[in-house]
Amino acid sequence: MSIQRIHSNERLSGAVSFAGLVFLSGQVPGASSDIGGQTREVLEKIDALLAEAGSDKEHLLSATIYLKDIQADFAVMNEVWSAWLSPGQAPARTTLQAALARPQILVEISIIAARR
C-alpha cells in the first residue's frame, strides 16, 4: 500500500492518505477575526483538502476541534459546524480548549475521513 502526501513540506503534510483513510493536519483560518468567519474559512480549507485527497465531508470519521476560548466561542463555532455537516453524517468529535500557534487564531480543526 502506498502513502500519498498532499501539500508536504519539511515539517508536515496538509493531508496524508493511506489504506482508504485520509488524515488532515490541523487547519487554521486566514483573514477572519471572529469565530464564525474563522470556522467557515477552516471548513472551506477542509472541503478543498478532502476533495484533493479523494474524499468529502460525507465520509468524515473523526474531528478534533481546538478553540482558543471554549466558553466564548463554542456556541457560534458549533452553529457554523452544524450548518456545514451533511445531514446524518456527523463524525465522532472532540472539542477542547487549547493555546493555539498564533494569538489571532481562534479555531483549529483536524479531520480523519474515509476515501470515496
PDB file of N, CA and C in Angstrom:
ATOM      1  N   MET A   1       0.837  -1.182   0.000  1.00  0.00           N
ATOM      2  CA  MET A   1       0.000   0.000   0.000  1.00  0.00           C
ATOM      3  C   MET A   1       0.878   1.240   0.000  1.00  0.00           C
ATOM      4  N   SER A   2       0.499   2.183  -0.808  1.00  0.00           N
ATOM      5  CA  SER A   2       1.299   3.403  -0.879  1.00  0.00           C
ATOM      6  C   SER A   2       0.674   4.497  -0.009  1.00  0.00           C
ATOM      7  N   ILE A   3       1.534   5.396   0.398  1.00  0.00           N
ATOM      8  CA  ILE A   3       1.125   6.557   1.180  1.00  0.00           C
ATOM      9  C   ILE A   3       1.169   7.767   0.253  1.00  0.00           C
ATOM     10  N   GLN A   4       0.076   8.521   0.201  1.00  0.00           N
ATOM     11  CA  GLN A   4       0.018   9.740  -0.607  1.00  0.00           C
ATOM     12  C   GLN A   4       0.071  10.934   0.339  1.00  0.00           C
ATOM     13  N   ARG A   5       1.009  11.837   0.093  1.00  0.00           N
ATOM     14  CA  ARG A   5       1.150  13.048   0.895  1.00  0.00           C
ATOM     15  C   ARG A   5       0.804  14.253   0.028  1.00  0.00           C
ATOM     16  N   ILE A   6      -0.045  15.132   0.545  1.00  0.00           N
ATOM     17  CA  ILE A   6      -0.510  16.294  -0.200  1.00  0.00           C
ATOM     18  C   ILE A   6      -0.047  17.553   0.515  1.00  0.00           C
ATOM     19  N   HIS A   7       0.482  18.494  -0.259  1.00  0.00           N
ATOM     20  CA  HIS A   7       0.968  19.775   0.271  1.00  0.00           C
ATOM     21  C   HIS A   7       1.963  19.551   1.412  1.00  0.00           C
ATOM     22  N   SER A   8       3.018  18.806   1.106  1.00  0.00           N
ATOM     23  CA  SER A   8       4.043  18.479   2.105  1.00  0.00           C
ATOM     24  C   SER A   8       5.158  19.513   2.111  1.00  0.00           C
ATOM     25  N   ASN A   9       5.728  19.681   3.283  1.00  0.00           N
ATOM     26  CA  ASN A   9       6.963  20.439   3.425  1.00  0.00           C
ATOM     27  C   ASN A   9       7.837  19.689   4.426  1.00  0.00           C
ATOM     28  N   GLU A  10       8.894  20.306   4.906  1.00  0.00           N
ATOM     29  CA  GLU A  10       9.816  19.615   5.811  1.00  0.00           C
ATOM     30  C   GLU A  10       9.205  19.295   7.175  1.00  0.00           C
ATOM     31  N   ARG A  11       8.087  19.956   7.546  1.00  0.00           N
ATOM     32  CA  ARG A  11       7.504  19.764   8.873  1.00  0.00           C
ATOM     33  C   ARG A  11       6.212  18.951   8.867  1.00  0.00           C
ATOM     34  N   LEU A  12       5.420  19.066   7.797  1.00  0.00           N
ATOM     35  CA  LEU A  12       4.104  18.417   7.825  1.00  0.00           C
ATOM     36  C   LEU A  12       3.536  18.278   6.431  1.00  0.00           C
ATOM     37  N   SER A  13       2.474  17.504   6.343  1.00  0.00           N
ATOM     38  CA  SER A  13       1.686  17.389   5.122  1.00  0.00           C
ATOM     39  C   SER A  13       0.292  17.906   5.428  1.00  0.00           C
ATOM     40  N   GLY A  14      -0.307  18.596   4.479  1.00  0.00           N
ATOM     41  CA  GLY A  14      -1.680  19.063   4.665  1.00  0.00           C
ATOM     42  C   GLY A  14      -2.647  17.904   4.801  1.00  0.00           C
ATOM     43  N   ALA A  15      -2.360  16.832   4.062  1.00  0.00           N
ATOM     44  CA  ALA A  15      -3.175  15.622   4.130  1.00  0.00           C
ATOM     45  C   ALA A  15      -2.297  14.421   3.815  1.00  0.00           C
ATOM     46  N   VAL A  16      -2.640  13.293   4.409  1.00  0.00           N
ATOM     47  CA  VAL A  16      -1.975  12.028   4.130  1.00  0.00           C
ATOM     48  C   VAL A  16      -3.071  10.988   3.918  1.00  0.00           C
ATOM     49  N   SER A  17      -2.941  10.242   2.820  1.00  0.00           N
ATOM     50  CA  SER A  17      -3.915   9.208   2.509  1.00  0.00           C
ATOM     51  C   SER A  17      -3.224   7.852   2.556  1.00  0.00           C
ATOM     52  N   PHE A  18      -3.852   6.888   3.247  1.00  0.00           N
ATOM     53  CA  PHE A  18      -3.295   5.546   3.376  1.00  0.00           C
ATOM     54  C   PHE A  18      -4.421   4.569   3.685  1.00  0.00           C
ATOM     55  N   ALA A  19      -4.418   3.448   3.008  1.00  0.00           N
ATOM     56  CA  ALA A  19      -5.343   2.348   3.287  1.00  0.00           C
ATOM     57  C   ALA A  19      -6.805   2.794   3.344  1.00  0.00           C
ATOM     58  N   GLY A  20      -7.196   3.636   2.416  1.00  0.00           N
ATOM     59  CA  GLY A  20      -8.586   4.068   2.359  1.00  0.00           C
ATOM     60  C   GLY A  20      -8.962   5.150   3.342  1.00  0.00           C
ATOM     61  N   LEU A  21      -7.977   5.680   4.068  1.00  0.00           N
ATOM     62  CA  LEU A  21      -8.231   6.750   5.038  1.00  0.00           C
ATOM     63  C   LEU A  21      -7.497   8.019   4.627  1.00  0.00           C
ATOM     64  N   VAL A  22      -8.060   9.151   5.022  1.00  0.00           N
ATOM     65  CA  VAL A  22      -7.442  10.455   4.783  1.00  0.00           C
ATOM     66  C   VAL A  22      -7.295  11.153   6.130  1.00  0.00           C
ATOM     67  N   PHE A  23      -6.084  11.575   6.437  1.00  0.00           N
ATOM     68  CA  PHE A  23      -5.772  12.281   7.673  1.00  0.00           C
ATOM     69  C   PHE A  23      -5.395  13.714   7.322  1.00  0.00           C
ATOM     70  N   LEU A  24      -6.149  14.685   7.818  1.00  0.00           N
ATOM     71  CA  LEU A  24      -5.813  16.087   7.582  1.00  0.00           C
ATOM     72  C   LEU A  24      -5.073  16.651   8.784  1.00  0.00           C
ATOM     73  N   SER A  25      -4.061  17.458   8.504  1.00  0.00           N
ATOM     74  CA  SER A  25      -3.414  18.172   9.601  1.00  0.00           C
ATOM     75  C   SER A  25      -4.376  19.245  10.102  1.00  0.00           C
ATOM     76  N   GLY A  26      -4.086  19.812  11.245  1.00  0.00           N
ATOM     77  CA  GLY A  26      -4.936  20.862  11.783  1.00  0.00           C
ATOM     78  C   GLY A  26      -5.001  22.037  10.825  1.00  0.00           C
ATOM     79  N   GLN A  27      -6.217  22.447  10.485  1.00  0.00           N
ATOM     80  CA  GLN A  27      -6.421  23.563   9.564  1.00  0.00           C
ATOM     81  C   GLN A  27      -6.776  24.808  10.364  1.00  0.00           C
ATOM     82  N   VAL A  28      -6.145  25.912  10.000  1.00  0.00           N
ATOM     83  CA  VAL A  28      -6.375  27.180  10.692  1.00  0.00           C
ATOM     84  C   VAL A  28      -6.882  28.220   9.704  1.00  0.00           C
ATOM     85  N   PRO A  29      -7.513  29.289  10.202  1.00  0.00           N
ATOM     86  CA  PRO A  29      -8.089  30.304   9.327  1.00  0.00           C
ATOM     87  C   PRO A  29      -7.031  31.231   8.743  1.00  0.00           C
ATOM     88  N   GLY A  30      -7.503  32.074   7.816  1.00  0.00           N
ATOM     89  CA  GLY A  30      -6.637  33.080   7.209  1.00  0.00           C
ATOM     90  C   GLY A  30      -6.898  34.453   7.773  1.00  0.00           C
ATOM     91  N   ALA A  31      -7.855  35.176   7.191  1.00  0.00           N
ATOM     92  CA  ALA A  31      -8.011  36.596   7.475  1.00  0.00           C
ATOM     93  C   ALA A  31      -9.124  36.958   8.458  1.00  0.00           C
ATOM     94  N   SER A  32     -10.100  36.109   8.642  1.00  0.00           N
ATOM     95  CA  SER A  32     -11.233  36.465   9.514  1.00  0.00           C
ATOM     96  C   SER A  32     -10.780  36.685  10.950  1.00  0.00           C
ATOM     97  N   SER A  33     -11.490  37.589  11.636  1.00  0.00           N
ATOM     98  CA  SER A  33     -11.104  37.879  13.015  1.00  0.00           C
ATOM     99  C   SER A  33     -12.109  37.359  14.038  1.00  0.00           C
ATOM    100  N   ASP A  34     -13.295  36.928  13.586  1.00  0.00           N
ATOM    101  CA  ASP A  34     -14.287  36.419  14.537  1.00  0.00           C
ATOM    102  C   ASP A  34     -14.428  34.904  14.387  1.00  0.00           C
ATOM    103  N   ILE A  35     -14.980  34.263  15.389  1.00  0.00           N
ATOM    104  CA  ILE A  35     -15.045  32.802  15.413  1.00  0.00           C
ATOM    105  C   ILE A  35     -15.911  32.248  14.286  1.00  0.00           C
ATOM    106  N   GLY A  36     -17.003  32.905  13.958  1.00  0.00           N
ATOM    107  CA  GLY A  36     -17.845  32.424  12.864  1.00  0.00           C
ATOM    108  C   GLY A  36     -17.100  32.423  11.543  1.00  0.00           C
ATOM    109  N   GLY A  37     -16.456  33.544  11.227  1.00  0.00           N
ATOM    110  CA  GLY A  37     -15.692  33.647   9.987  1.00  0.00           C
ATOM    111  C   GLY A  37     -14.514  32.696   9.953  1.00  0.00           C
ATOM    112  N   GLN A  38     -13.812  32.574  11.080  1.00  0.00           N
ATOM    113  CA  GLN A  38     -12.671  31.661  11.129  1.00  0.00           C
ATOM    114  C   GLN A  38     -13.119  30.215  10.936  1.00  0.00           C
ATOM    115  N   THR A  39     -14.221  29.836  11.553  1.00  0.00           N
ATOM    116  CA  THR A  39     -14.707  28.462  11.401  1.00  0.00           C
ATOM    117  C   THR A  39     -15.087  28.193   9.951  1.00  0.00           C
ATOM    118  N   ARG A  40     -15.770  29.130   9.306  1.00  0.00           N
ATOM    119  CA  ARG A  40     -16.130  28.968   7.887  1.00  0.00           C
ATOM    120  C   ARG A  40     -14.879  28.821   7.016  1.00  0.00           C
ATOM    121  N   GLU A  41     -13.862  29.647   7.270  1.00  0.00           N
ATOM    122  CA  GLU A  41     -12.609  29.556   6.498  1.00  0.00           C
ATOM    123  C   GLU A  41     -11.960  28.188   6.659  1.00  0.00           C
ATOM    124  N   VAL A  42     -11.904  27.699   7.878  1.00  0.00           N
ATOM    125  CA  VAL A  42     -11.292  26.399   8.142  1.00  0.00           C
ATOM    126  C   VAL A  42     -12.076  25.295   7.431  1.00  0.00           C
ATOM    127  N   LEU A  43     -13.399  25.348   7.482  1.00  0.00           N
ATOM    128  CA  LEU A  43     -14.209  24.311   6.837  1.00  0.00           C
ATOM    129  C   LEU A  43     -14.055  24.356   5.319  1.00  0.00           C
ATOM    130  N   GLU A  44     -13.871  25.531   4.737  1.00  0.00           N
ATOM    131  CA  GLU A  44     -13.593  25.631   3.301  1.00  0.00           C
ATOM    132  C   GLU A  44     -12.260  24.965   2.961  1.00  0.00           C
ATOM    133  N   LYS A  45     -11.251  25.180   3.796  1.00  0.00           N
ATOM    134  CA  LYS A  45      -9.955  24.519   3.590  1.00  0.00           C
ATOM    135  C   LYS A  45     -10.097  23.000   3.690  1.00  0.00           C
ATOM    136  N   ILE A  46     -10.888  22.553   4.670  1.00  0.00           N
ATOM    137  CA  ILE A  46     -11.112  21.113   4.839  1.00  0.00           C
ATOM    138  C   ILE A  46     -11.791  20.539   3.606  1.00  0.00           C
ATOM    139  N   ASP A  47     -12.826  21.206   3.100  1.00  0.00           N
ATOM    140  CA  ASP A  47     -13.501  20.744   1.882  1.00  0.00           C
ATOM    141  C   ASP A  47     -12.503  20.577   0.734  1.00  0.00           C
ATOM    142  N   ALA A  48     -11.645  21.568   0.536  1.00  0.00           N
ATOM    143  CA  ALA A  48     -10.684  21.531  -0.562  1.00  0.00           C
ATOM    144  C   ALA A  48      -9.670  20.404  -0.396  1.00  0.00           C
ATOM    145  N   LEU A  49      -9.135  20.241   0.796  1.00  0.00           N
ATOM    146  CA  LEU A  49      -8.155  19.173   1.030  1.00  0.00           C
ATOM    147  C   LEU A  49      -8.789  17.795   0.895  1.00  0.00           C
ATOM    148  N   LEU A  50      -9.986  17.629   1.432  1.00  0.00           N
ATOM    149  CA  LEU A  50     -10.662  16.339   1.291  1.00  0.00           C
ATOM    150  C   LEU A  50     -10.884  16.010  -0.182  1.00  0.00           C
ATOM    151  N   ALA A  51     -11.324  16.974  -0.968  1.00  0.00           N
ATOM    152  CA  ALA A  51     -11.548  16.738  -2.394  1.00  0.00           C
ATOM    153  C   ALA A  51     -10.247  16.331  -3.085  1.00  0.00           C
ATOM    154  N   GLU A  52      -9.172  17.019  -2.766  1.00  0.00           N
ATOM    155  CA  GLU A  52      -7.877  16.698  -3.377  1.00  0.00           C
ATOM    156  C   GLU A  52      -7.406  15.296  -2.996  1.00  0.00           C
ATOM    157  N   ALA A  53      -7.787  14.844  -1.809  1.00  0.00           N
ATOM    158  CA  ALA A  53      -7.380  13.521  -1.322  1.00  0.00           C
ATOM    159  C   ALA A  53      -8.370  12.419  -1.700  1.00  0.00           C
ATOM    160  N   GLY A  54      -9.442  12.762  -2.411  1.00  0.00           N
ATOM    161  CA  GLY A  54     -10.400  11.749  -2.836  1.00  0.00           C
ATOM    162  C   GLY A  54     -11.474  11.454  -1.811  1.00  0.00           C
ATOM    163  N   SER A  55     -11.855  12.458  -1.033  1.00  0.00           N
ATOM    164  CA  SER A  55     -12.893  12.277  -0.020  1.00  0.00           C
ATOM    165  C   SER A  55     -13.778  13.519   0.005  1.00  0.00           C
ATOM    166  N   ASP A  56     -14.680  13.563   0.970  1.00  0.00           N
ATOM    167  CA  ASP A  56     -15.551  14.719   1.161  1.00  0.00           C
ATOM    168  C   ASP A  56     -16.171  14.640   2.551  1.00  0.00           C
ATOM    169  N   LYS A  57     -16.946  15.663   2.904  1.00  0.00           N
ATOM    170  CA  LYS A  57     -17.498  15.732   4.261  1.00  0.00           C
ATOM    171  C   LYS A  57     -18.532  14.646   4.538  1.00  0.00           C
ATOM    172  N   GLU A  58     -19.047  13.974   3.516  1.00  0.00           N
ATOM    173  CA  GLU A  58     -19.961  12.855   3.743  1.00  0.00           C
ATOM    174  C   GLU A  58     -19.226  11.616   4.249  1.00  0.00           C
ATOM    175  N   HIS A  59     -17.883  11.647   4.204  1.00  0.00           N
ATOM    176  CA  HIS A  59     -17.078  10.497   4.610  1.00  0.00           C
ATOM    177  C   HIS A  59     -16.254  10.767   5.872  1.00  0.00           C
ATOM    178  N   LEU A  60     -16.650  11.773   6.656  1.00  0.00           N
ATOM    179  CA  LEU A  60     -15.928  12.086   7.893  1.00  0.00           C
ATOM    180  C   LEU A  60     -16.053  10.943   8.886  1.00  0.00           C
ATOM    181  N   LEU A  61     -14.953  10.625   9.535  1.00  0.00           N
ATOM    182  CA  LEU A  61     -14.942   9.625  10.595  1.00  0.00           C
ATOM    183  C   LEU A  61     -14.734  10.262  11.957  1.00  0.00           C
ATOM    184  N   SER A  62     -13.805  11.217  12.016  1.00  0.00           N
ATOM    185  CA  SER A  62     -13.444  11.831  13.292  1.00  0.00           C
ATOM    186  C   SER A  62     -13.007  13.276  13.072  1.00  0.00           C
ATOM    187  N   ALA A  63     -13.317  14.122  14.046  1.00  0.00           N
ATOM    188  CA  ALA A  63     -12.883  15.517  14.026  1.00  0.00           C
ATOM    189  C   ALA A  63     -12.403  15.908  15.416  1.00  0.00           C
ATOM    190  N   THR A  64     -11.323  16.660  15.441  1.00  0.00           N
ATOM    191  CA  THR A  64     -10.858  17.264  16.687  1.00  0.00           C
ATOM    192  C   THR A  64     -10.848  18.771  16.468  1.00  0.00           C
ATOM    193  N   ILE A  65     -11.579  19.485  17.328  1.00  0.00           N
ATOM    194  CA  ILE A  65     -11.708  20.933  17.207  1.00  0.00           C
ATOM    195  C   ILE A  65     -11.051  21.574  18.422  1.00  0.00           C
ATOM    196  N   TYR A  66     -10.109  22.462  18.149  1.00  0.00           N
ATOM    197  CA  TYR A  66      -9.397  23.196  19.193  1.00  0.00           C
ATOM    198  C   TYR A  66      -9.896  24.639  19.180  1.00  0.00           C
ATOM    199  N   LEU A  67     -10.327  25.117  20.320  1.00  0.00           N
ATOM    200  CA  LEU A  67     -10.783  26.503  20.454  1.00  0.00           C
ATOM    201  C   LEU A  67      -9.875  27.246  21.424  1.00  0.00           C
ATOM    202  N   LYS A  68      -9.552  28.473  21.083  1.00  0.00           N
ATOM    203  CA  LYS A  68      -8.745  29.307  21.981  1.00  0.00           C
ATOM    204  C   LYS A  68      -9.512  29.596  23.269  1.00  0.00           C
ATOM    205  N   ASP A  69     -10.816  29.884  23.142  1.00  0.00           N
ATOM    206  CA  ASP A  69     -11.654  30.204  24.298  1.00  0.00           C
ATOM    207  C   ASP A  69     -12.973  29.447  24.157  1.00  0.00           C
ATOM    208  N   ILE A  70     -13.046  28.268  24.730  1.00  0.00           N
ATOM    209  CA  ILE A  70     -14.217  27.406  24.541  1.00  0.00           C
ATOM    210  C   ILE A  70     -15.484  28.035  25.113  1.00  0.00           C
ATOM    211  N   GLN A  71     -15.366  28.751  26.201  1.00  0.00           N
ATOM    212  CA  GLN A  71     -16.545  29.364  26.812  1.00  0.00           C
ATOM    213  C   GLN A  71     -17.132  30.444  25.909  1.00  0.00           C
ATOM    214  N   ALA A  72     -16.287  31.264  25.320  1.00  0.00           N
ATOM    215  CA  ALA A  72     -16.760  32.369  24.481  1.00  0.00           C
ATOM    216  C   ALA A  72     -17.178  31.920  23.087  1.00  0.00           C
ATOM    217  N   ASP A  73     -16.524  30.882  22.536  1.00  0.00           N
ATOM    218  CA  ASP A  73     -16.662  30.593  21.107  1.00  0.00           C
ATOM    219  C   ASP A  73     -17.374  29.289  20.758  1.00  0.00           C
ATOM    220  N   PHE A  74     -17.647  28.433  21.729  1.00  0.00           N
ATOM    221  CA  PHE A  74     -18.220  27.123  21.424  1.00  0.00           C
ATOM    222  C   PHE A  74     -19.555  27.222  20.691  1.00  0.00           C
ATOM    223  N   ALA A  75     -20.471  28.053  21.150  1.00  0.00           N
ATOM    224  CA  ALA A  75     -21.820  28.104  20.577  1.00  0.00           C
ATOM    225  C   ALA A  75     -21.796  28.547  19.114  1.00  0.00           C
ATOM    226  N   VAL A  76     -21.058  29.607  18.795  1.00  0.00           N
ATOM    227  CA  VAL A  76     -21.015  30.094  17.415  1.00  0.00           C
ATOM    228  C   VAL A  76     -20.290  29.087  16.517  1.00  0.00           C
ATOM    229  N   MET A  77     -19.153  28.572  16.972  1.00  0.00           N
ATOM    230  CA  MET A  77     -18.438  27.558  16.184  1.00  0.00           C
ATOM    231  C   MET A  77     -19.365  26.395  15.894  1.00  0.00           C
ATOM    232  N   ASN A  78     -20.109  25.944  16.902  1.00  0.00           N
ATOM    233  CA  ASN A  78     -20.995  24.793  16.754  1.00  0.00           C
ATOM    234  C   ASN A  78     -22.110  25.078  15.746  1.00  0.00           C
ATOM    235  N   GLU A  79     -22.638  26.299  15.713  1.00  0.00           N
ATOM    236  CA  GLU A  79     -23.658  26.660  14.720  1.00  0.00           C
ATOM    237  C   GLU A  79     -23.109  26.538  13.304  1.00  0.00           C
ATOM    238  N   VAL A  80     -21.907  27.084  13.081  1.00  0.00           N
ATOM    239  CA  VAL A  80     -21.286  27.017  11.754  1.00  0.00           C
ATOM    240  C   VAL A  80     -20.983  25.569  11.395  1.00  0.00           C
ATOM    241  N   TRP A  81     -20.432  24.812  12.330  1.00  0.00           N
ATOM    242  CA  TRP A  81     -20.110  23.401  12.124  1.00  0.00           C
ATOM    243  C   TRP A  81     -21.369  22.614  11.747  1.00  0.00           C
ATOM    244  N   SER A  82     -22.433  22.796  12.510  1.00  0.00           N
ATOM    245  CA  SER A  82     -23.675  22.055  12.265  1.00  0.00           C
ATOM    246  C   SER A  82     -24.276  22.390  10.903  1.00  0.00           C
ATOM    247  N   ALA A  83     -24.206  23.651  10.498  1.00  0.00           N
ATOM    248  CA  ALA A  83     -24.724  24.054   9.191  1.00  0.00           C
ATOM    249  C   ALA A  83     -23.895  23.446   8.057  1.00  0.00           C
ATOM    250  N   TRP A  84     -22.611  23.223   8.283  1.00  0.00           N
ATOM    251  CA  TRP A  84     -21.709  22.668   7.270  1.00  0.00           C
ATOM    252  C   TRP A  84     -21.873  21.165   7.112  1.00  0.00           C
ATOM    253  N   LEU A  85     -22.123  20.457   8.199  1.00  0.00           N
ATOM    254  CA  LEU A  85     -22.226  18.997   8.138  1.00  0.00           C
ATOM    255  C   LEU A  85     -23.351  18.554   7.215  1.00  0.00           C
ATOM    256  N   SER A  86     -23.126  17.435   6.554  1.00  0.00           N
ATOM    257  CA  SER A  86     -24.192  16.811   5.776  1.00  0.00           C
ATOM    258  C   SER A  86     -25.123  16.092   6.745  1.00  0.00           C
ATOM    259  N   PRO A  87     -26.437  16.173   6.525  1.00  0.00           N
ATOM    260  CA  PRO A  87     -27.386  15.516   7.432  1.00  0.00           C
ATOM    261  C   PRO A  87     -27.083  14.019   7.592  1.00  0.00           C
ATOM    262  N   GLY A  88     -27.081  13.585   8.842  1.00  0.00           N
ATOM    263  CA  GLY A  88     -26.845  12.173   9.145  1.00  0.00           C
ATOM    264  C   GLY A  88     -25.406  11.726   9.005  1.00  0.00           C
ATOM    265  N   GLN A  89     -24.461  12.648   8.801  1.00  0.00           N
ATOM    266  CA  GLN A  89     -23.060  12.273   8.566  1.00  0.00           C
ATOM    267  C   GLN A  89     -22.115  12.816   9.634  1.00  0.00           C
ATOM    268  N   ALA A  90     -22.612  13.048  10.834  1.00  0.00           N
ATOM    269  CA  ALA A  90     -21.758  13.599  11.893  1.00  0.00           C
ATOM    270  C   ALA A  90     -20.663  12.604  12.284  1.00  0.00           C
ATOM    271  N   PRO A  91     -19.424  13.064  12.369  1.00  0.00           N
ATOM    272  CA  PRO A  91     -18.328  12.182  12.778  1.00  0.00           C
ATOM    273  C   PRO A  91     -18.246  12.072  14.299  1.00  0.00           C
ATOM    274  N   ALA A  92     -17.423  11.158  14.768  1.00  0.00           N
ATOM    275  CA  ALA A  92     -17.013  11.203  16.172  1.00  0.00           C
ATOM    276  C   ALA A  92     -16.263  12.523  16.332  1.00  0.00           C
ATOM    277  N   ARG A  93     -16.451  13.208  17.464  1.00  0.00           N
ATOM    278  CA  ARG A  93     -15.862  14.542  17.585  1.00  0.00           C
ATOM    279  C   ARG A  93     -15.411  14.814  19.008  1.00  0.00           C
ATOM    280  N   THR A  94     -14.296  15.514  19.087  1.00  0.00           N
ATOM    281  CA  THR A  94     -13.788  16.035  20.353  1.00  0.00           C
ATOM    282  C   THR A  94     -13.576  17.527  20.181  1.00  0.00           C
ATOM    283  N   THR A  95     -14.013  18.313  21.162  1.00  0.00           N
ATOM    284  CA  THR A  95     -13.770  19.752  21.158  1.00  0.00           C
ATOM    285  C   THR A  95     -13.099  20.109  22.468  1.00  0.00           C
ATOM    286  N   LEU A  96     -12.012  20.860  22.379  1.00  0.00           N
ATOM    287  CA  LEU A  96     -11.298  21.230  23.596  1.00  0.00           C
ATOM    288  C   LEU A  96     -10.687  22.608  23.460  1.00  0.00           C
ATOM    289  N   GLN A  97     -10.343  23.187  24.588  1.00  0.00           N
ATOM    290  CA  GLN A  97      -9.680  24.489  24.623  1.00  0.00           C
ATOM    291  C   GLN A  97      -8.182  24.262  24.582  1.00  0.00           C
ATOM    292  N   ALA A  98      -7.488  25.106  23.786  1.00  0.00           N
ATOM    293  CA  ALA A  98      -6.039  24.945  23.652  1.00  0.00           C
ATOM    294  C   ALA A  98      -5.388  26.277  23.335  1.00  0.00           C
ATOM    295  N   ALA A  99      -4.144  26.417  23.745  1.00  0.00           N
ATOM    296  CA  ALA A  99      -3.330  27.554  23.299  1.00  0.00           C
ATOM    297  C   ALA A  99      -2.923  27.241  21.871  1.00  0.00           C
ATOM    298  N   LEU A 100      -3.300  28.096  20.922  1.00  0.00           N
ATOM    299  CA  LEU A 100      -3.036  27.834  19.517  1.00  0.00           C
ATOM    300  C   LEU A 100      -1.772  28.543  19.058  1.00  0.00           C
ATOM    301  N   ALA A 101      -1.318  28.241  17.849  1.00  0.00           N
ATOM    302  CA  ALA A 101       0.009  28.653  17.372  1.00  0.00           C
ATOM    303  C   ALA A 101       0.226  30.159  17.302  1.00  0.00           C
ATOM    304  N   ARG A 102      -0.819  30.907  16.960  1.00  0.00           N
ATOM    305  CA  ARG A 102      -0.704  32.360  16.877  1.00  0.00           C
ATOM    306  C   ARG A 102      -1.853  32.982  17.647  1.00  0.00           C
ATOM    307  N   PRO A 103      -1.659  34.154  18.247  1.00  0.00           N
ATOM    308  CA  PRO A 103      -2.694  34.741  19.101  1.00  0.00           C
ATOM    309  C   PRO A 103      -4.010  35.044  18.395  1.00  0.00           C
ATOM    310  N   GLN A 104      -3.977  35.330  17.094  1.00  0.00           N
ATOM    311  CA  GLN A 104      -5.204  35.672  16.379  1.00  0.00           C
ATOM    312  C   GLN A 104      -6.026  34.450  15.967  1.00  0.00           C
ATOM    313  N   ILE A 105      -5.471  33.264  16.092  1.00  0.00           N
ATOM    314  CA  ILE A 105      -6.198  32.042  15.719  1.00  0.00           C
ATOM    315  C   ILE A 105      -7.144  31.659  16.848  1.00  0.00           C
ATOM    316  N   LEU A 106      -8.419  31.535  16.502  1.00  0.00           N
ATOM    317  CA  LEU A 106      -9.448  31.169  17.483  1.00  0.00           C
ATOM    318  C   LEU A 106      -9.870  29.712  17.376  1.00  0.00           C
ATOM    319  N   VAL A 107      -9.632  29.077  16.215  1.00  0.00           N
ATOM    320  CA  VAL A 107     -10.081  27.705  15.990  1.00  0.00           C
ATOM    321  C   VAL A 107      -9.102  26.972  15.069  1.00  0.00           C
ATOM    322  N   GLU A 108      -8.912  25.699  15.355  1.00  0.00           N
ATOM    323  CA  GLU A 108      -8.134  24.799  14.500  1.00  0.00           C
ATOM    324  C   GLU A 108      -8.884  23.475  14.484  1.00  0.00           C
ATOM    325  N   ILE A 109      -8.987  22.856  13.303  1.00  0.00           N
ATOM    326  CA  ILE A 109      -9.740  21.604  13.171  1.00  0.00           C
ATOM    327  C   ILE A 109      -8.898  20.590  12.417  1.00  0.00           C
ATOM    328  N   SER A 110      -8.803  19.375  12.965  1.00  0.00           N
ATOM    329  CA  SER A 110      -8.178  18.263  12.250  1.00  0.00           C
ATOM    330  C   SER A 110      -9.230  17.192  11.996  1.00  0.00           C
ATOM    331  N   ILE A 111      -9.069  16.460  10.905  1.00  0.00           N
ATOM    332  CA  ILE A 111     -10.087  15.537  10.412  1.00  0.00           C
ATOM    333  C   ILE A 111      -9.457  14.206  10.034  1.00  0.00           C
ATOM    334  N   ILE A 112     -10.201  13.125  10.235  1.00  0.00           N
ATOM    335  CA  ILE A 112      -9.919  11.829   9.637  1.00  0.00           C
ATOM    336  C   ILE A 112     -11.174  11.455   8.858  1.00  0.00           C
ATOM    337  N   ALA A 113     -10.973  11.019   7.602  1.00  0.00           N
ATOM    338  CA  ALA A 113     -12.095  10.661   6.745  1.00  0.00           C
ATOM    339  C   ALA A 113     -11.762   9.398   5.972  1.00  0.00           C
ATOM    340  N   ALA A 114     -12.805   8.751   5.492  1.00  0.00           N
ATOM    341  CA  ALA A 114     -12.642   7.625   4.569  1.00  0.00           C
ATOM    342  C   ALA A 114     -12.581   8.170   3.153  1.00  0.00           C
ATOM    343  N   ARG A 115     -11.850   7.501   2.284  1.00  0.00           N
ATOM    344  CA  ARG A 115     -11.859   7.893   0.877  1.00  0.00           C
ATOM    345  C   ARG A 115     -13.168   7.464   0.251  1.00  0.00           C
ATOM    346  N   ARG A 116     -13.576   8.153  -0.798  1.00  0.00           N
ATOM    347  CA  ARG A 116     -14.819   7.791  -1.509  1.00  0.00           C
ATOM    348  C   ARG A 116     -14.637   6.499  -2.239  1.00  0.00           C
TER     349      ARG A 116
END
